[in-house]
């Protein structure tokens, strides 16, 4: 079952790793930071201010623990940010 928590401004994050704009009721699409990157990022806009977040890190912060050093995906798929697929060190 998908659970949603408030992320920031008008955005929410789910335990499946999806980001939603609550005002428009739309989902945001994350992208790779670089060509060979293992980090998926997303840029949020609040009152003309932009902030880049890393989806896996935010899922861990909201659903596992607020303090951690490293996040690893069990299946190695950088776009699979489901809370059950993340290991925290």
C-alpha atoms as a PDB file:
ATOM      1  CA  UNK A   1       0.000   0.000   0.000  1.00  0.00           C
ATOM      2  CA  UNK A   2       1.364   3.375  -0.988  1.00  0.00           C
ATOM      3  CA  UNK A   3       1.809   5.824   1.884  1.00  0.00           C
ATOM      4  CA  UNK A   4       2.349   9.554   1.357  1.00  0.00           C
ATOM      5  CA  UNK A   5       4.225  12.032   3.580  1.00  0.00           C
ATOM      6  CA  UNK A   6       4.649  15.777   3.165  1.00  0.00           C
ATOM      7  CA  UNK A   7       8.011  16.606   1.644  1.00  0.00           C
ATOM      8  CA  UNK A   8       8.208  20.353   1.197  1.00  0.00           C
ATOM      9  CA  UNK A   9       5.923  23.140  -0.002  1.00  0.00           C
ATOM     10  CA  UNK A  10       3.236  21.605  -2.207  1.00  0.00           C
ATOM     11  CA  UNK A  11       5.118  18.303  -2.668  1.00  0.00           C
ATOM     12  CA  UNK A  12       4.637  14.863  -1.105  1.00  0.00           C
ATOM     13  CA  UNK A  13       6.725  11.688  -1.319  1.00  0.00           C
ATOM     14  CA  UNK A  14       5.559   8.083  -1.181  1.00  0.00           C
ATOM     15  CA  UNK A  15       7.179   4.948   0.185  1.00  0.00           C
ATOM     16  CA  UNK A  16       7.333   3.790  -3.472  1.00  0.00           C
ATOM     17  CA  UNK A  17       9.686   6.696  -4.249  1.00  0.00           C
ATOM     18  CA  UNK A  18       7.185   8.784  -6.206  1.00  0.00           C
ATOM     19  CA  UNK A  19       6.964  12.583  -5.845  1.00  0.00           C
ATOM     20  CA  UNK A  20       3.591  14.317  -6.225  1.00  0.00           C
ATOM     21  CA  UNK A  21       2.649  17.970  -6.644  1.00  0.00           C
ATOM     22  CA  UNK A  22      -0.365  18.198  -4.329  1.00  0.00           C
ATOM     23  CA  UNK A  23      -1.702  21.427  -5.855  1.00  0.00           C
ATOM     24  CA  UNK A  24      -1.836  20.059  -9.399  1.00  0.00           C
ATOM     25  CA  UNK A  25      -2.218  16.388  -8.394  1.00  0.00           C
ATOM     26  CA  UNK A  26       0.535  15.414 -10.838  1.00  0.00           C
ATOM     27  CA  UNK A  27       3.623  13.241 -10.470  1.00  0.00           C
ATOM     28  CA  UNK A  28       7.139  14.523 -11.096  1.00  0.00           C
ATOM     29  CA  UNK A  29       9.644  12.579 -13.168  1.00  0.00           C
ATOM     30  CA  UNK A  30      13.142  12.212 -11.704  1.00  0.00           C
ATOM     31  CA  UNK A  31      16.271  12.157 -13.883  1.00  0.00           C
ATOM     32  CA  UNK A  32      19.862  10.979 -13.622  1.00  0.00           C
ATOM     33  CA  UNK A  33      22.374  13.477 -12.289  1.00  0.00           C
ATOM     34  CA  UNK A  34      25.001  12.558 -14.883  1.00  0.00           C
ATOM     35  CA  UNK A  35      25.596  10.116 -17.685  1.00  0.00           C
ATOM     36  CA  UNK A  36      27.029   7.418 -15.413  1.00  0.00           C
ATOM     37  CA  UNK A  37      25.472   8.520 -12.156  1.00  0.00           C
ATOM     38  CA  UNK A  38      23.920   6.253  -9.555  1.00  0.00           C
ATOM     39  CA  UNK A  39      21.837   9.095  -8.120  1.00  0.00           C
ATOM     40  CA  UNK A  40      18.420  10.121  -9.334  1.00  0.00           C
ATOM     41  CA  UNK A  41      17.472  13.718  -8.669  1.00  0.00           C
ATOM     42  CA  UNK A  42      14.503  16.009  -8.967  1.00  0.00           C
ATOM     43  CA  UNK A  43      14.171  19.791  -8.866  1.00  0.00           C
ATOM     44  CA  UNK A  44      11.352  21.266  -6.791  1.00  0.00           C
ATOM     45  CA  UNK A  45      10.029  24.796  -7.202  1.00  0.00           C
ATOM     46  CA  UNK A  46       8.512  26.702  -4.277  1.00  0.00           C
ATOM     47  CA  UNK A  47       7.762  30.419  -4.641  1.00  0.00           C
ATOM     48  CA  UNK A  48      10.259  30.791  -7.524  1.00  0.00           C
ATOM     49  CA  UNK A  49      12.987  29.057  -5.488  1.00  0.00           C
ATOM     50  CA  UNK A  50      14.481  25.847  -6.816  1.00  0.00           C
ATOM     51  CA  UNK A  51      15.857  22.978  -4.765  1.00  0.00           C
ATOM     52  CA  UNK A  52      17.407  19.766  -6.028  1.00  0.00           C
ATOM     53  CA  UNK A  53      16.675  16.629  -4.023  1.00  0.00           C
ATOM     54  CA  UNK A  54      17.883  13.071  -4.343  1.00  0.00           C
ATOM     55  CA  UNK A  55      14.861  10.782  -4.339  1.00  0.00           C
ATOM     56  CA  UNK A  56      16.397   7.779  -2.523  1.00  0.00           C
ATOM     57  CA  UNK A  57      17.783  10.017   0.221  1.00  0.00           C
ATOM     58  CA  UNK A  58      14.405  11.667   0.764  1.00  0.00           C
ATOM     59  CA  UNK A  59      12.616   8.294   0.904  1.00  0.00           C
ATOM     60  CA  UNK A  60      15.077   7.174   3.577  1.00  0.00           C
ATOM     61  CA  UNK A  61      14.688  10.444   5.536  1.00  0.00           C
ATOM     62  CA  UNK A  62      10.891  10.238   5.563  1.00  0.00           C
ATOM     63  CA  UNK A  63      10.301   6.500   5.959  1.00  0.00           C
ATOM     64  CA  UNK A  64      13.383   4.907   7.600  1.00  0.00           C
ATOM     65  CA  UNK A  65      15.665   7.260   9.545  1.00  0.00           C
ATOM     66  CA  UNK A  66      16.556  10.963   9.350  1.00  0.00           C
ATOM     67  CA  UNK A  67      20.283  10.282   9.853  1.00  0.00           C
ATOM     68  CA  UNK A  68      22.330   8.054   7.572  1.00  0.00           C
ATOM     69  CA  UNK A  69      25.585   8.033   5.615  1.00  0.00           C
ATOM     70  CA  UNK A  70      24.874   5.952   2.521  1.00  0.00           C
ATOM     71  CA  UNK A  71      21.904   4.505   0.622  1.00  0.00           C
ATOM     72  CA  UNK A  72      22.245   1.352  -1.507  1.00  0.00           C
ATOM     73  CA  UNK A  73      19.592  -0.181  -3.749  1.00  0.00           C
ATOM     74  CA  UNK A  74      19.201  -3.958  -3.438  1.00  0.00           C
ATOM     75  CA  UNK A  75      18.417  -4.527  -7.130  1.00  0.00           C
ATOM     76  CA  UNK A  76      20.874  -1.903  -8.416  1.00  0.00           C
ATOM     77  CA  UNK A  77      18.181  -0.057 -10.418  1.00  0.00           C
ATOM     78  CA  UNK A  78      18.672   3.662  -9.744  1.00  0.00           C
ATOM     79  CA  UNK A  79      15.043   4.411 -10.581  1.00  0.00           C
ATOM     80  CA  UNK A  80      13.662   1.860  -8.081  1.00  0.00           C
ATOM     81  CA  UNK A  81      13.458   4.003  -4.932  1.00  0.00           C
ATOM     82  CA  UNK A  82      10.893   1.862  -3.132  1.00  0.00           C
ATOM     83  CA  UNK A  83      11.545   1.821   0.612  1.00  0.00           C
ATOM     84  CA  UNK A  84      11.763  -1.999   0.540  1.00  0.00           C
ATOM     85  CA  UNK A  85      14.563  -1.782  -2.036  1.00  0.00           C
ATOM     86  CA  UNK A  86      16.815   0.537  -0.013  1.00  0.00           C
ATOM     87  CA  UNK A  87      19.534  -0.392   2.474  1.00  0.00           C
ATOM     88  CA  UNK A  88      20.897   2.330   4.758  1.00  0.00           C
ATOM     89  CA  UNK A  89      24.426   2.513   6.178  1.00  0.00           C
END
